[in-house]
Amino acid sequence: MAGNITGGKKTASKLLKENPNYYKIIGSKGGKNGTGHAFAHGKIDPSVAGKRGGELSKRTAKIATETVSEEPKARFLLWKRFVG
């Protein structure tokens, strides 16, 4: 078992001694072992997927708040001036 560099080299030499094409075979298996689908399993276009993900966002939308008029603030400052 390859627990360090020397163990890895030892294991690699053992595997290559038993089968000289070992790494070629496992590499070809890995390349063939795909899903056969494109992005999102080939069922949806990436731009559509992004749009749907944005629509399903769990963040709340920013709600436009009404701007506070200056009149209450002016009244408060005037009151504060008289009260102290």
PDB file of N, CA and C in Angstrom:
ATOM      1  N   MET A   1       0.841  -1.179   0.000  1.00  0.00           N
ATOM      2  CA  MET A   1       0.000   0.000   0.000  1.00  0.00           C
ATOM      3  C   MET A   1       0.883   1.238   0.000  1.00  0.00           C
ATOM      4  N   ALA A   2       0.485   2.229  -0.763  1.00  0.00           N
ATOM      5  CA  ALA A   2       1.299   3.423  -0.921  1.00  0.00           C
ATOM      6  C   ALA A   2       0.928   4.451   0.134  1.00  0.00           C
ATOM      7  N   GLY A   3       1.673   4.467   1.211  1.00  0.00           N
ATOM      8  CA  GLY A   3       1.438   5.457   2.259  1.00  0.00           C
ATOM      9  C   GLY A   3       2.407   6.610   2.161  1.00  0.00           C
ATOM     10  N   ASN A   4       3.482   6.427   1.404  1.00  0.00           N
ATOM     11  CA  ASN A   4       4.464   7.492   1.207  1.00  0.00           C
ATOM     12  C   ASN A   4       5.109   7.320  -0.170  1.00  0.00           C
ATOM     13  N   ILE A   5       6.097   8.114  -0.458  1.00  0.00           N
ATOM     14  CA  ILE A   5       6.704   8.114  -1.796  1.00  0.00           C
ATOM     15  C   ILE A   5       7.366   6.773  -2.112  1.00  0.00           C
ATOM     16  N   THR A   6       8.103   6.240  -1.165  1.00  0.00           N
ATOM     17  CA  THR A   6       8.785   4.972  -1.456  1.00  0.00           C
ATOM     18  C   THR A   6       7.773   3.838  -1.629  1.00  0.00           C
ATOM     19  N   GLY A   7       6.720   3.842  -0.820  1.00  0.00           N
ATOM     20  CA  GLY A   7       5.679   2.829  -0.964  1.00  0.00           C
ATOM     21  C   GLY A   7       4.965   2.952  -2.295  1.00  0.00           C
ATOM     22  N   GLY A   8       4.741   4.189  -2.752  1.00  0.00           N
ATOM     23  CA  GLY A   8       4.092   4.423  -4.043  1.00  0.00           C
ATOM     24  C   GLY A   8       4.939   3.906  -5.193  1.00  0.00           C
ATOM     25  N   LYS A   9       6.243   4.160  -5.121  1.00  0.00           N
ATOM     26  CA  LYS A   9       7.147   3.676  -6.169  1.00  0.00           C
ATOM     27  C   LYS A   9       7.200   2.147  -6.177  1.00  0.00           C
ATOM     28  N   LYS A  10       7.201   1.569  -4.990  1.00  0.00           N
ATOM     29  CA  LYS A  10       7.239   0.113  -4.872  1.00  0.00           C
ATOM     30  C   LYS A  10       5.962  -0.503  -5.456  1.00  0.00           C
ATOM     31  N   THR A  11       4.820   0.094  -5.133  1.00  0.00           N
ATOM     32  CA  THR A  11       3.542  -0.404  -5.642  1.00  0.00           C
ATOM     33  C   THR A  11       3.463  -0.249  -7.159  1.00  0.00           C
ATOM     34  N   ALA A  12       3.923   0.913  -7.660  1.00  0.00           N
ATOM     35  CA  ALA A  12       3.891   1.145  -9.107  1.00  0.00           C
ATOM     36  C   ALA A  12       4.750   0.133  -9.841  1.00  0.00           C
ATOM     37  N   SER A  13       5.939  -0.153  -9.311  1.00  0.00           N
ATOM     38  CA  SER A  13       6.808  -1.122  -9.985  1.00  0.00           C
ATOM     39  C   SER A  13       6.191  -2.518  -9.946  1.00  0.00           C
ATOM     40  N   LYS A  14       5.523  -2.863  -8.831  1.00  0.00           N
ATOM     41  CA  LYS A  14       4.878  -4.171  -8.727  1.00  0.00           C
ATOM     42  C   LYS A  14       3.748  -4.288  -9.747  1.00  0.00           C
ATOM     43  N   LEU A  15       2.911  -3.224  -9.849  1.00  0.00           N
ATOM     44  CA  LEU A  15       1.794  -3.251 -10.800  1.00  0.00           C
ATOM     45  C   LEU A  15       2.287  -3.331 -12.243  1.00  0.00           C
ATOM     46  N   LEU A  16       3.340  -2.577 -12.547  1.00  0.00           N
ATOM     47  CA  LEU A  16       3.878  -2.602 -13.908  1.00  0.00           C
ATOM     48  C   LEU A  16       4.551  -3.934 -14.228  1.00  0.00           C
ATOM     49  N   LYS A  17       5.069  -4.582 -13.210  1.00  0.00           N
ATOM     50  CA  LYS A  17       5.691  -5.891 -13.427  1.00  0.00           C
ATOM     51  C   LYS A  17       4.624  -6.934 -13.764  1.00  0.00           C
ATOM     52  N   GLU A  18       3.466  -6.841 -13.070  1.00  0.00           N
ATOM     53  CA  GLU A  18       2.373  -7.769 -13.333  1.00  0.00           C
ATOM     54  C   GLU A  18       1.685  -7.475 -14.668  1.00  0.00           C
ATOM     55  N   ASN A  19       1.496  -6.201 -14.964  1.00  0.00           N
ATOM     56  CA  ASN A  19       0.819  -5.820 -16.207  1.00  0.00           C
ATOM     57  C   ASN A  19       1.459  -4.522 -16.724  1.00  0.00           C
ATOM     58  N   PRO A  20       2.269  -4.589 -17.780  1.00  0.00           N
ATOM     59  CA  PRO A  20       2.950  -3.394 -18.278  1.00  0.00           C
ATOM     60  C   PRO A  20       1.991  -2.306 -18.766  1.00  0.00           C
ATOM     61  N   ASN A  21       0.771  -2.663 -19.103  1.00  0.00           N
ATOM     62  CA  ASN A  21      -0.207  -1.684 -19.578  1.00  0.00           C
ATOM     63  C   ASN A  21      -1.199  -1.271 -18.494  1.00  0.00           C
ATOM     64  N   TYR A  22      -0.851  -1.465 -17.223  1.00  0.00           N
ATOM     65  CA  TYR A  22      -1.782  -1.211 -16.133  1.00  0.00           C
ATOM     66  C   TYR A  22      -2.309   0.231 -16.143  1.00  0.00           C
ATOM     67  N   TYR A  23      -1.419   1.182 -16.184  1.00  0.00           N
ATOM     68  CA  TYR A  23      -1.838   2.580 -16.134  1.00  0.00           C
ATOM     69  C   TYR A  23      -2.564   3.001 -17.405  1.00  0.00           C
ATOM     70  N   LYS A  24      -2.213   2.392 -18.517  1.00  0.00           N
ATOM     71  CA  LYS A  24      -2.916   2.662 -19.773  1.00  0.00           C
ATOM     72  C   LYS A  24      -4.363   2.184 -19.679  1.00  0.00           C
ATOM     73  N   ILE A  25      -4.550   1.017 -19.100  1.00  0.00           N
ATOM     74  CA  ILE A  25      -5.888   0.433 -18.979  1.00  0.00           C
ATOM     75  C   ILE A  25      -6.763   1.250 -18.029  1.00  0.00           C
ATOM     76  N   ILE A  26      -6.225   1.589 -16.853  1.00  0.00           N
ATOM     77  CA  ILE A  26      -7.065   2.340 -15.910  1.00  0.00           C
ATOM     78  C   ILE A  26      -7.306   3.767 -16.408  1.00  0.00           C
ATOM     79  N   GLY A  27      -6.353   4.293 -17.167  1.00  0.00           N
ATOM     80  CA  GLY A  27      -6.569   5.622 -17.751  1.00  0.00           C
ATOM     81  C   GLY A  27      -7.657   5.607 -18.801  1.00  0.00           C
ATOM     82  N   SER A  28      -7.700   4.562 -19.606  1.00  0.00           N
ATOM     83  CA  SER A  28      -8.738   4.479 -20.631  1.00  0.00           C
ATOM     84  C   SER A  28     -10.105   4.249 -19.998  1.00  0.00           C
ATOM     85  N   LYS A  29     -10.161   3.501 -18.899  1.00  0.00           N
ATOM     86  CA  LYS A  29     -11.428   3.306 -18.194  1.00  0.00           C
ATOM     87  C   LYS A  29     -11.945   4.630 -17.654  1.00  0.00           C
ATOM     88  N   GLY A  30     -11.051   5.401 -17.112  1.00  0.00           N
ATOM     89  CA  GLY A  30     -11.459   6.695 -16.566  1.00  0.00           C
ATOM     90  C   GLY A  30     -11.958   7.636 -17.645  1.00  0.00           C
ATOM     91  N   GLY A  31     -11.338   7.611 -18.807  1.00  0.00           N
ATOM     92  CA  GLY A  31     -11.775   8.475 -19.883  1.00  0.00           C
ATOM     93  C   GLY A  31     -13.108   8.053 -20.471  1.00  0.00           C
ATOM     94  N   LYS A  32     -13.386   6.757 -20.435  1.00  0.00           N
ATOM     95  CA  LYS A  32     -14.637   6.249 -20.993  1.00  0.00           C
ATOM     96  C   LYS A  32     -15.785   6.333 -19.999  1.00  0.00           C
ATOM     97  N   ASN A  33     -15.449   6.510 -18.747  1.00  0.00           N
ATOM     98  CA  ASN A  33     -16.464   6.482 -17.705  1.00  0.00           C
ATOM     99  C   ASN A  33     -17.075   7.868 -17.491  1.00  0.00           C
ATOM    100  N   GLY A  34     -17.573   8.476 -18.549  1.00  0.00           N
ATOM    101  CA  GLY A  34     -18.233   9.763 -18.418  1.00  0.00           C
ATOM    102  C   GLY A  34     -19.727   9.576 -18.358  1.00  0.00           C
ATOM    103  N   THR A  35     -20.427  10.668 -18.103  1.00  0.00           N
ATOM    104  CA  THR A  35     -21.884  10.577 -18.034  1.00  0.00           C
ATOM    105  C   THR A  35     -22.493  10.624 -19.420  1.00  0.00           C
ATOM    106  N   GLY A  36     -21.743  11.126 -20.400  1.00  0.00           N
ATOM    107  CA  GLY A  36     -22.267  11.222 -21.750  1.00  0.00           C
ATOM    108  C   GLY A  36     -23.189  12.408 -21.930  1.00  0.00           C
ATOM    109  N   HIS A  37     -23.207  13.285 -20.943  1.00  0.00           N
ATOM    110  CA  HIS A  37     -24.078  14.445 -21.011  1.00  0.00           C
ATOM    111  C   HIS A  37     -23.243  15.708 -20.924  1.00  0.00           C
ATOM    112  N   ALA A  38     -23.827  16.764 -21.404  1.00  0.00           N
ATOM    113  CA  ALA A  38     -23.169  18.057 -21.316  1.00  0.00           C
ATOM    114  C   ALA A  38     -23.549  18.713 -19.991  1.00  0.00           C
ATOM    115  N   PHE A  39     -23.428  20.009 -19.941  1.00  0.00           N
ATOM    116  CA  PHE A  39     -23.760  20.755 -18.725  1.00  0.00           C
ATOM    117  C   PHE A  39     -25.181  20.436 -18.276  1.00  0.00           C
ATOM    118  N   ALA A  40     -25.349  20.242 -17.005  1.00  0.00           N
ATOM    119  CA  ALA A  40     -26.648  19.933 -16.401  1.00  0.00           C
ATOM    120  C   ALA A  40     -27.281  18.730 -17.090  1.00  0.00           C
ATOM    121  N   HIS A  41     -26.494  17.737 -17.382  1.00  0.00           N
ATOM    122  CA  HIS A  41     -26.945  16.493 -18.002  1.00  0.00           C
ATOM    123  C   HIS A  41     -27.529  16.694 -19.391  1.00  0.00           C
ATOM    124  N   GLY A  42     -27.134  17.753 -20.068  1.00  0.00           N
ATOM    125  CA  GLY A  42     -27.552  17.964 -21.446  1.00  0.00           C
ATOM    126  C   GLY A  42     -29.019  18.308 -21.611  1.00  0.00           C
ATOM    127  N   LYS A  43     -29.708  18.563 -20.517  1.00  0.00           N
ATOM    128  CA  LYS A  43     -31.129  18.825 -20.600  1.00  0.00           C
ATOM    129  C   LYS A  43     -31.434  20.318 -20.644  1.00  0.00           C
ATOM    130  N   ILE A  44     -30.472  21.125 -20.317  1.00  0.00           N
ATOM    131  CA  ILE A  44     -30.736  22.551 -20.184  1.00  0.00           C
ATOM    132  C   ILE A  44     -29.513  23.351 -20.630  1.00  0.00           C
ATOM    133  N   ASP A  45     -29.753  24.511 -21.183  1.00  0.00           N
ATOM    134  CA  ASP A  45     -28.699  25.408 -21.623  1.00  0.00           C
ATOM    135  C   ASP A  45     -28.096  26.098 -20.391  1.00  0.00           C
ATOM    136  N   PRO A  46     -26.769  26.333 -20.365  1.00  0.00           N
ATOM    137  CA  PRO A  46     -26.173  26.960 -19.188  1.00  0.00           C
ATOM    138  C   PRO A  46     -26.766  28.319 -18.840  1.00  0.00           C
ATOM    139  N   SER A  47     -27.111  29.117 -19.837  1.00  0.00           N
ATOM    140  CA  SER A  47     -27.680  30.427 -19.523  1.00  0.00           C
ATOM    141  C   SER A  47     -29.059  30.280 -18.891  1.00  0.00           C
ATOM    142  N   VAL A  48     -29.817  29.300 -19.337  1.00  0.00           N
ATOM    143  CA  VAL A  48     -31.138  29.066 -18.747  1.00  0.00           C
ATOM    144  C   VAL A  48     -30.979  28.555 -17.317  1.00  0.00           C
ATOM    145  N   ALA A  49     -29.976  27.710 -17.097  1.00  0.00           N
ATOM    146  CA  ALA A  49     -29.737  27.187 -15.750  1.00  0.00           C
ATOM    147  C   ALA A  49     -29.375  28.325 -14.801  1.00  0.00           C
ATOM    148  N   GLY A  50     -28.551  29.250 -15.249  1.00  0.00           N
ATOM    149  CA  GLY A  50     -28.191  30.395 -14.416  1.00  0.00           C
ATOM    150  C   GLY A  50     -29.383  31.268 -14.111  1.00  0.00           C
ATOM    151  N   LYS A  51     -30.233  31.440 -15.101  1.00  0.00           N
ATOM    152  CA  LYS A  51     -31.435  32.252 -14.900  1.00  0.00           C
ATOM    153  C   LYS A  51     -32.336  31.602 -13.856  1.00  0.00           C
ATOM    154  N   ARG A  52     -32.528  30.294 -13.973  1.00  0.00           N
ATOM    155  CA  ARG A  52     -33.383  29.594 -13.014  1.00  0.00           C
ATOM    156  C   ARG A  52     -32.785  29.640 -11.613  1.00  0.00           C
ATOM    157  N   GLY A  53     -31.481  29.484 -11.538  1.00  0.00           N
ATOM    158  CA  GLY A  53     -30.837  29.537 -10.232  1.00  0.00           C
ATOM    159  C   GLY A  53     -30.994  30.895  -9.583  1.00  0.00           C
ATOM    160  N   GLY A  54     -30.918  31.950 -10.382  1.00  0.00           N
ATOM    161  CA  GLY A  54     -31.111  33.287  -9.841  1.00  0.00           C
ATOM    162  C   GLY A  54     -32.532  33.531  -9.401  1.00  0.00           C
ATOM    163  N   GLU A  55     -33.485  32.989 -10.138  1.00  0.00           N
ATOM    164  CA  GLU A  55     -34.880  33.162  -9.770  1.00  0.00           C
ATOM    165  C   GLU A  55     -35.207  32.407  -8.485  1.00  0.00           C
ATOM    166  N   LEU A  56     -34.543  31.293  -8.274  1.00  0.00           N
ATOM    167  CA  LEU A  56     -34.807  30.478  -7.099  1.00  0.00           C
ATOM    168  C   LEU A  56     -33.920  30.857  -5.922  1.00  0.00           C
ATOM    169  N   SER A  57     -33.287  32.014  -5.995  1.00  0.00           N
ATOM    170  CA  SER A  57     -32.381  32.438  -4.950  1.00  0.00           C
ATOM    171  C   SER A  57     -33.107  32.553  -3.620  1.00  0.00           C
ATOM    172  N   LYS A  58     -32.434  32.180  -2.554  1.00  0.00           N
ATOM    173  CA  LYS A  58     -33.052  32.248  -1.233  1.00  0.00           C
ATOM    174  C   LYS A  58     -32.873  33.616  -0.598  1.00  0.00           C
ATOM    175  N   ARG A  59     -32.113  34.469  -1.218  1.00  0.00           N
ATOM    176  CA  ARG A  59     -31.974  35.824  -0.704  1.00  0.00           C
ATOM    177  C   ARG A  59     -33.238  36.598  -1.008  1.00  0.00           C
ATOM    178  N   THR A  60     -33.594  37.440  -0.091  1.00  0.00           N
ATOM    179  CA  THR A  60     -34.790  38.244  -0.321  1.00  0.00           C
ATOM    180  C   THR A  60     -34.442  39.399  -1.247  1.00  0.00           C
ATOM    181  N   ALA A  61     -35.407  39.792  -2.031  1.00  0.00           N
ATOM    182  CA  ALA A  61     -35.187  40.891  -2.958  1.00  0.00           C
ATOM    183  C   ALA A  61     -35.169  42.194  -2.190  1.00  0.00           C
ATOM    184  N   LYS A  62     -34.360  43.114  -2.666  1.00  0.00           N
ATOM    185  CA  LYS A  62     -34.313  44.428  -2.031  1.00  0.00           C
ATOM    186  C   LYS A  62     -35.568  45.190  -2.430  1.00  0.00           C
ATOM    187  N   ILE A  63     -36.280  45.656  -1.440  1.00  0.00           N
ATOM    188  CA  ILE A  63     -37.502  46.400  -1.683  1.00  0.00           C
ATOM    189  C   ILE A  63     -37.169  47.886  -1.632  1.00  0.00           C
ATOM    190  N   ALA A  64     -37.616  48.586  -2.643  1.00  0.00           N
ATOM    191  CA  ALA A  64     -37.358  50.019  -2.682  1.00  0.00           C
ATOM    192  C   ALA A  64     -38.156  50.693  -1.573  1.00  0.00           C
ATOM    193  N   THR A  65     -37.447  51.374  -0.706  1.00  0.00           N
ATOM    194  CA  THR A  65     -38.117  52.058   0.398  1.00  0.00           C
ATOM    195  C   THR A  65     -38.417  53.489  -0.018  1.00  0.00           C
ATOM    196  N   GLU A  66     -39.452  54.021   0.571  1.00  0.00           N
ATOM    197  CA  GLU A  66     -39.799  55.411   0.278  1.00  0.00           C
ATOM    198  C   GLU A  66     -38.764  56.311   0.926  1.00  0.00           C
ATOM    199  N   THR A  67     -38.433  57.357   0.247  1.00  0.00           N
ATOM    200  CA  THR A  67     -37.476  58.293   0.820  1.00  0.00           C
ATOM    201  C   THR A  67     -38.177  59.098   1.912  1.00  0.00           C
ATOM    202  N   VAL A  68     -37.487  59.275   2.993  1.00  0.00           N
ATOM    203  CA  VAL A  68     -38.047  60.006   4.118  1.00  0.00           C
ATOM    204  C   VAL A  68     -37.978  61.487   3.790  1.00  0.00           C
ATOM    205  N   SER A  69     -39.097  62.126   3.937  1.00  0.00           N
ATOM    206  CA  SER A  69     -39.107  63.564   3.635  1.00  0.00           C
ATOM    207  C   SER A  69     -38.348  64.308   4.714  1.00  0.00           C
ATOM    208  N   GLU A  70     -37.915  65.468   4.390  1.00  0.00           N
ATOM    209  CA  GLU A  70     -37.114  66.276   5.306  1.00  0.00           C
ATOM    210  C   GLU A  70     -37.978  66.995   6.344  1.00  0.00           C
ATOM    211  N   GLU A  71     -39.284  67.020   6.147  1.00  0.00           N
ATOM    212  CA  GLU A  71     -40.151  67.776   7.054  1.00  0.00           C
ATOM    213  C   GLU A  71     -40.110  67.247   8.486  1.00  0.00           C
ATOM    214  N   PRO A  72     -40.259  65.925   8.729  1.00  0.00           N
ATOM    215  CA  PRO A  72     -40.199  65.456  10.121  1.00  0.00           C
ATOM    216  C   PRO A  72     -38.844  65.737  10.767  1.00  0.00           C
ATOM    217  N   LYS A  73     -37.790  65.619   9.984  1.00  0.00           N
ATOM    218  CA  LYS A  73     -36.464  65.874  10.532  1.00  0.00           C
ATOM    219  C   LYS A  73     -36.333  67.341  10.920  1.00  0.00           C
ATOM    220  N   ALA A  74     -36.858  68.229  10.065  1.00  0.00           N
ATOM    221  CA  ALA A  74     -36.797  69.657  10.364  1.00  0.00           C
ATOM    222  C   ALA A  74     -37.621  69.979  11.607  1.00  0.00           C
ATOM    223  N   ARG A  75     -38.793  69.350  11.743  1.00  0.00           N
ATOM    224  CA  ARG A  75     -39.625  69.575  12.926  1.00  0.00           C
ATOM    225  C   ARG A  75     -38.903  69.119  14.186  1.00  0.00           C
ATOM    226  N   PHE A  76     -38.247  67.982  14.106  1.00  0.00           N
ATOM    227  CA  PHE A  76     -37.522  67.457  15.255  1.00  0.00           C
ATOM    228  C   PHE A  76     -36.397  68.399  15.656  1.00  0.00           C
ATOM    229  N   LEU A  77     -35.655  68.887  14.689  1.00  0.00           N
ATOM    230  CA  LEU A  77     -34.549  69.787  15.002  1.00  0.00           C
ATOM    231  C   LEU A  77     -35.062  71.092  15.613  1.00  0.00           C
ATOM    232  N   LEU A  78     -36.178  71.583  15.121  1.00  0.00           N
ATOM    233  CA  LEU A  78     -36.767  72.798  15.664  1.00  0.00           C
ATOM    234  C   LEU A  78     -37.234  72.561  17.102  1.00  0.00           C
ATOM    235  N   TRP A  79     -37.877  71.408  17.331  1.00  0.00           N
ATOM    236  CA  TRP A  79     -38.318  71.049  18.690  1.00  0.00           C
ATOM    237  C   TRP A  79     -37.149  70.926  19.639  1.00  0.00           C
ATOM    238  N   LYS A  80     -36.074  70.283  19.138  1.00  0.00           N
ATOM    239  CA  LYS A  80     -34.891  70.069  19.957  1.00  0.00           C
ATOM    240  C   LYS A  80     -34.239  71.393  20.342  1.00  0.00           C
ATOM    241  N   ARG A  81     -34.301  72.359  19.426  1.00  0.00           N
ATOM    242  CA  ARG A  81     -33.715  73.660  19.699  1.00  0.00           C
ATOM    243  C   ARG A  81     -34.467  74.361  20.841  1.00  0.00           C
ATOM    244  N   PHE A  82     -35.800  74.215  20.879  1.00  0.00           N
ATOM    245  CA  PHE A  82     -36.581  74.858  21.918  1.00  0.00           C
ATOM    246  C   PHE A  82     -36.502  74.119  23.246  1.00  0.00           C
ATOM    247  N   VAL A  83     -36.462  72.787  23.183  1.00  0.00           N
ATOM    248  CA  VAL A  83     -36.440  71.998  24.412  1.00  0.00           C
ATOM    249  C   VAL A  83     -35.053  72.050  25.058  1.00  0.00           C
ATOM    250  N   GLY A  84     -34.065  72.037  24.265  1.00  0.00           N
ATOM    251  CA  GLY A  84     -32.734  72.158  24.828  1.00  0.00           C
ATOM    252  C   GLY A  84     -31.906  71.027  24.517  1.00  0.00           C
TER     253      GLY A  84
END
